[in-house]
Every structure is written in structure tokens, then in C-alpha cells.
Amino acid sequence: MQEIKGERTRKTRSNKRHWIRPVLSVTQNECLARVSYITDTPMKDSLNIFAGVR
């Protein structure tokens, strides 16, 4: 095996974690929770209402 002289740089992991921003802000999420409570639908289904709001 050959020895490399000098400093070696480490490779970046290919599966490194990335920070992903939340889809909705806190106020939008609270509003969505209220709408889903009033309409008695799951929040996942109520999200379709807010699709064009952003």
C-alpha cells in the first residue's frame, strides 16, 4: 500500500442529512387544525384547501 504524503481531505457522505423547511408556518398549521376540527375531517385532507394559499 502506498502512503500519501500531506493531508487528505475527507469525502462528503452521499446520504448526508439535509434540513427541510416545514411546509406550513405555525399560524397556518393552527388555522388548518381549527378548520379540520370544525369540518370533522383529518388534517391531511384539509391540507388540500390550503394548496393555493401560499
N, C-alpha and C. Protein backbone atom coordinates (compact mmCIF):
# COMPACT_ATOMS: atom_id res chain seq x y z
N MET A 1 0.83 -1.18 0.00
CA MET A 1 0.00 0.00 0.00
C MET A 1 0.88 1.25 0.00
N GLN A 2 0.51 2.22 -0.78
CA GLN A 2 1.29 3.44 -0.85
C GLN A 2 0.81 4.43 0.18
N GLU A 3 1.76 5.13 0.74
CA GLU A 3 1.42 6.15 1.73
C GLU A 3 1.32 7.49 1.02
N ILE A 4 0.24 8.21 1.28
CA ILE A 4 0.04 9.52 0.65
C ILE A 4 0.61 10.57 1.58
N LYS A 5 1.46 11.40 1.04
CA LYS A 5 2.08 12.45 1.86
C LYS A 5 1.17 13.68 1.88
N GLY A 6 1.18 14.39 3.00
CA GLY A 6 0.35 15.58 3.14
C GLY A 6 -1.00 15.23 3.74
N GLU A 7 -1.85 16.22 3.82
CA GLU A 7 -3.17 15.99 4.41
C GLU A 7 -4.14 15.43 3.38
N ARG A 8 -5.00 14.57 3.85
CA ARG A 8 -6.04 14.01 2.99
C ARG A 8 -7.35 14.70 3.33
N THR A 9 -8.15 14.98 2.34
CA THR A 9 -9.46 15.57 2.58
C THR A 9 -10.49 14.46 2.62
N ARG A 10 -11.42 14.58 3.53
CA ARG A 10 -12.46 13.57 3.66
C ARG A 10 -13.58 13.84 2.66
N LYS A 11 -14.13 12.78 2.16
CA LYS A 11 -15.26 12.91 1.25
C LYS A 11 -16.52 13.20 2.03
N THR A 12 -17.48 13.88 1.38
CA THR A 12 -18.78 14.13 1.98
C THR A 12 -19.66 12.91 1.76
N ARG A 13 -20.38 12.54 2.80
CA ARG A 13 -21.25 11.37 2.67
C ARG A 13 -22.30 11.60 1.59
N SER A 14 -22.60 10.57 0.84
CA SER A 14 -23.60 10.69 -0.22
C SER A 14 -25.02 10.73 0.36
N ASN A 15 -25.21 10.16 1.56
CA ASN A 15 -26.54 10.16 2.16
C ASN A 15 -26.62 11.13 3.33
N LYS A 16 -25.92 12.24 3.21
CA LYS A 16 -25.90 13.25 4.26
C LYS A 16 -27.30 13.85 4.45
N ARG A 17 -27.64 14.11 5.71
CA ARG A 17 -28.96 14.66 6.00
C ARG A 17 -29.05 16.12 5.58
N HIS A 18 -30.21 16.48 5.06
CA HIS A 18 -30.46 17.85 4.64
C HIS A 18 -31.61 18.40 5.46
N TRP A 19 -31.51 19.68 5.85
CA TRP A 19 -32.58 20.30 6.60
C TRP A 19 -33.68 20.71 5.63
N ILE A 20 -34.90 20.30 5.93
CA ILE A 20 -36.05 20.61 5.08
C ILE A 20 -36.98 21.51 5.86
N ARG A 21 -37.34 22.64 5.26
CA ARG A 21 -38.22 23.58 5.93
C ARG A 21 -39.63 23.03 6.03
N PRO A 22 -40.37 23.43 7.07
CA PRO A 22 -41.76 22.99 7.18
C PRO A 22 -42.59 23.54 6.02
N VAL A 23 -43.61 22.80 5.65
CA VAL A 23 -44.46 23.20 4.53
C VAL A 23 -45.32 24.39 4.91
N LEU A 24 -45.88 24.37 6.13
CA LEU A 24 -46.75 25.43 6.59
C LEU A 24 -46.12 26.16 7.77
N SER A 25 -46.45 27.44 7.91
CA SER A 25 -46.00 28.16 9.08
C SER A 25 -46.84 27.74 10.28
N VAL A 26 -46.46 28.19 11.46
CA VAL A 26 -47.18 27.81 12.68
C VAL A 26 -48.61 28.35 12.65
N THR A 27 -48.79 29.57 12.20
CA THR A 27 -50.13 30.14 12.17
C THR A 27 -51.02 29.42 11.16
N GLN A 28 -50.44 29.05 10.02
CA GLN A 28 -51.22 28.30 9.03
C GLN A 28 -51.59 26.92 9.55
N ASN A 29 -50.68 26.31 10.30
CA ASN A 29 -50.95 24.99 10.86
C ASN A 29 -52.06 25.06 11.91
N GLU A 30 -52.05 26.11 12.73
CA GLU A 30 -53.12 26.29 13.73
C GLU A 30 -54.47 26.52 13.05
N CYS A 31 -54.46 27.32 11.99
CA CYS A 31 -55.69 27.58 11.25
C CYS A 31 -56.21 26.28 10.61
N LEU A 32 -55.31 25.50 10.07
CA LEU A 32 -55.68 24.23 9.47
C LEU A 32 -56.26 23.28 10.51
N ALA A 33 -55.69 23.28 11.72
CA ALA A 33 -56.20 22.43 12.79
C ALA A 33 -57.63 22.83 13.17
N ARG A 34 -57.88 24.14 13.22
CA ARG A 34 -59.24 24.61 13.53
C ARG A 34 -60.23 24.23 12.44
N VAL A 35 -59.83 24.40 11.19
CA VAL A 35 -60.72 24.05 10.07
C VAL A 35 -61.02 22.55 10.07
N SER A 36 -60.01 21.74 10.31
CA SER A 36 -60.24 20.30 10.31
C SER A 36 -61.11 19.88 11.49
N TYR A 37 -61.00 20.59 12.61
CA TYR A 37 -61.85 20.29 13.77
C TYR A 37 -63.30 20.67 13.48
N ILE A 38 -63.50 21.84 12.88
CA ILE A 38 -64.86 22.31 12.59
C ILE A 38 -65.53 21.42 11.54
N THR A 39 -64.79 21.05 10.51
CA THR A 39 -65.37 20.25 9.43
C THR A 39 -65.32 18.75 9.70
N ASP A 40 -64.69 18.36 10.79
CA ASP A 40 -64.57 16.95 11.20
C ASP A 40 -63.90 16.11 10.11
N THR A 41 -62.84 16.68 9.51
CA THR A 41 -62.04 15.96 8.53
C THR A 41 -60.60 15.89 9.04
N PRO A 42 -59.85 14.88 8.64
CA PRO A 42 -58.45 14.81 9.06
C PRO A 42 -57.64 15.98 8.50
N MET A 43 -56.60 16.37 9.22
CA MET A 43 -55.77 17.50 8.78
C MET A 43 -55.13 17.21 7.43
N LYS A 44 -54.82 15.96 7.17
CA LYS A 44 -54.20 15.60 5.90
C LYS A 44 -55.13 15.94 4.73
N ASP A 45 -56.43 15.69 4.90
CA ASP A 45 -57.39 16.00 3.85
C ASP A 45 -57.67 17.50 3.77
N SER A 46 -57.60 18.19 4.91
CA SER A 46 -57.85 19.63 4.93
C SER A 46 -56.72 20.40 4.30
N LEU A 47 -55.55 19.80 4.18
CA LEU A 47 -54.41 20.48 3.58
C LEU A 47 -54.69 20.84 2.12
N ASN A 48 -55.53 20.09 1.46
CA ASN A 48 -55.88 20.38 0.07
C ASN A 48 -56.55 21.74 -0.06
N ILE A 49 -57.22 22.20 1.00
CA ILE A 49 -57.85 23.52 0.99
C ILE A 49 -56.80 24.62 0.86
N PHE A 50 -55.64 24.41 1.53
CA PHE A 50 -54.60 25.42 1.57
C PHE A 50 -53.56 25.27 0.46
N ALA A 51 -53.83 24.45 -0.52
CA ALA A 51 -52.83 24.19 -1.56
C ALA A 51 -52.43 25.46 -2.32
N GLY A 52 -53.36 26.33 -2.59
CA GLY A 52 -53.06 27.54 -3.37
C GLY A 52 -52.89 28.78 -2.52
N VAL A 53 -52.89 28.67 -1.21
CA VAL A 53 -52.83 29.86 -0.35
C VAL A 53 -51.45 30.46 -0.28
N ARG A 54 -50.41 29.63 -0.31
CA ARG A 54 -49.05 30.14 -0.16
C ARG A 54 -48.75 31.08 -1.25
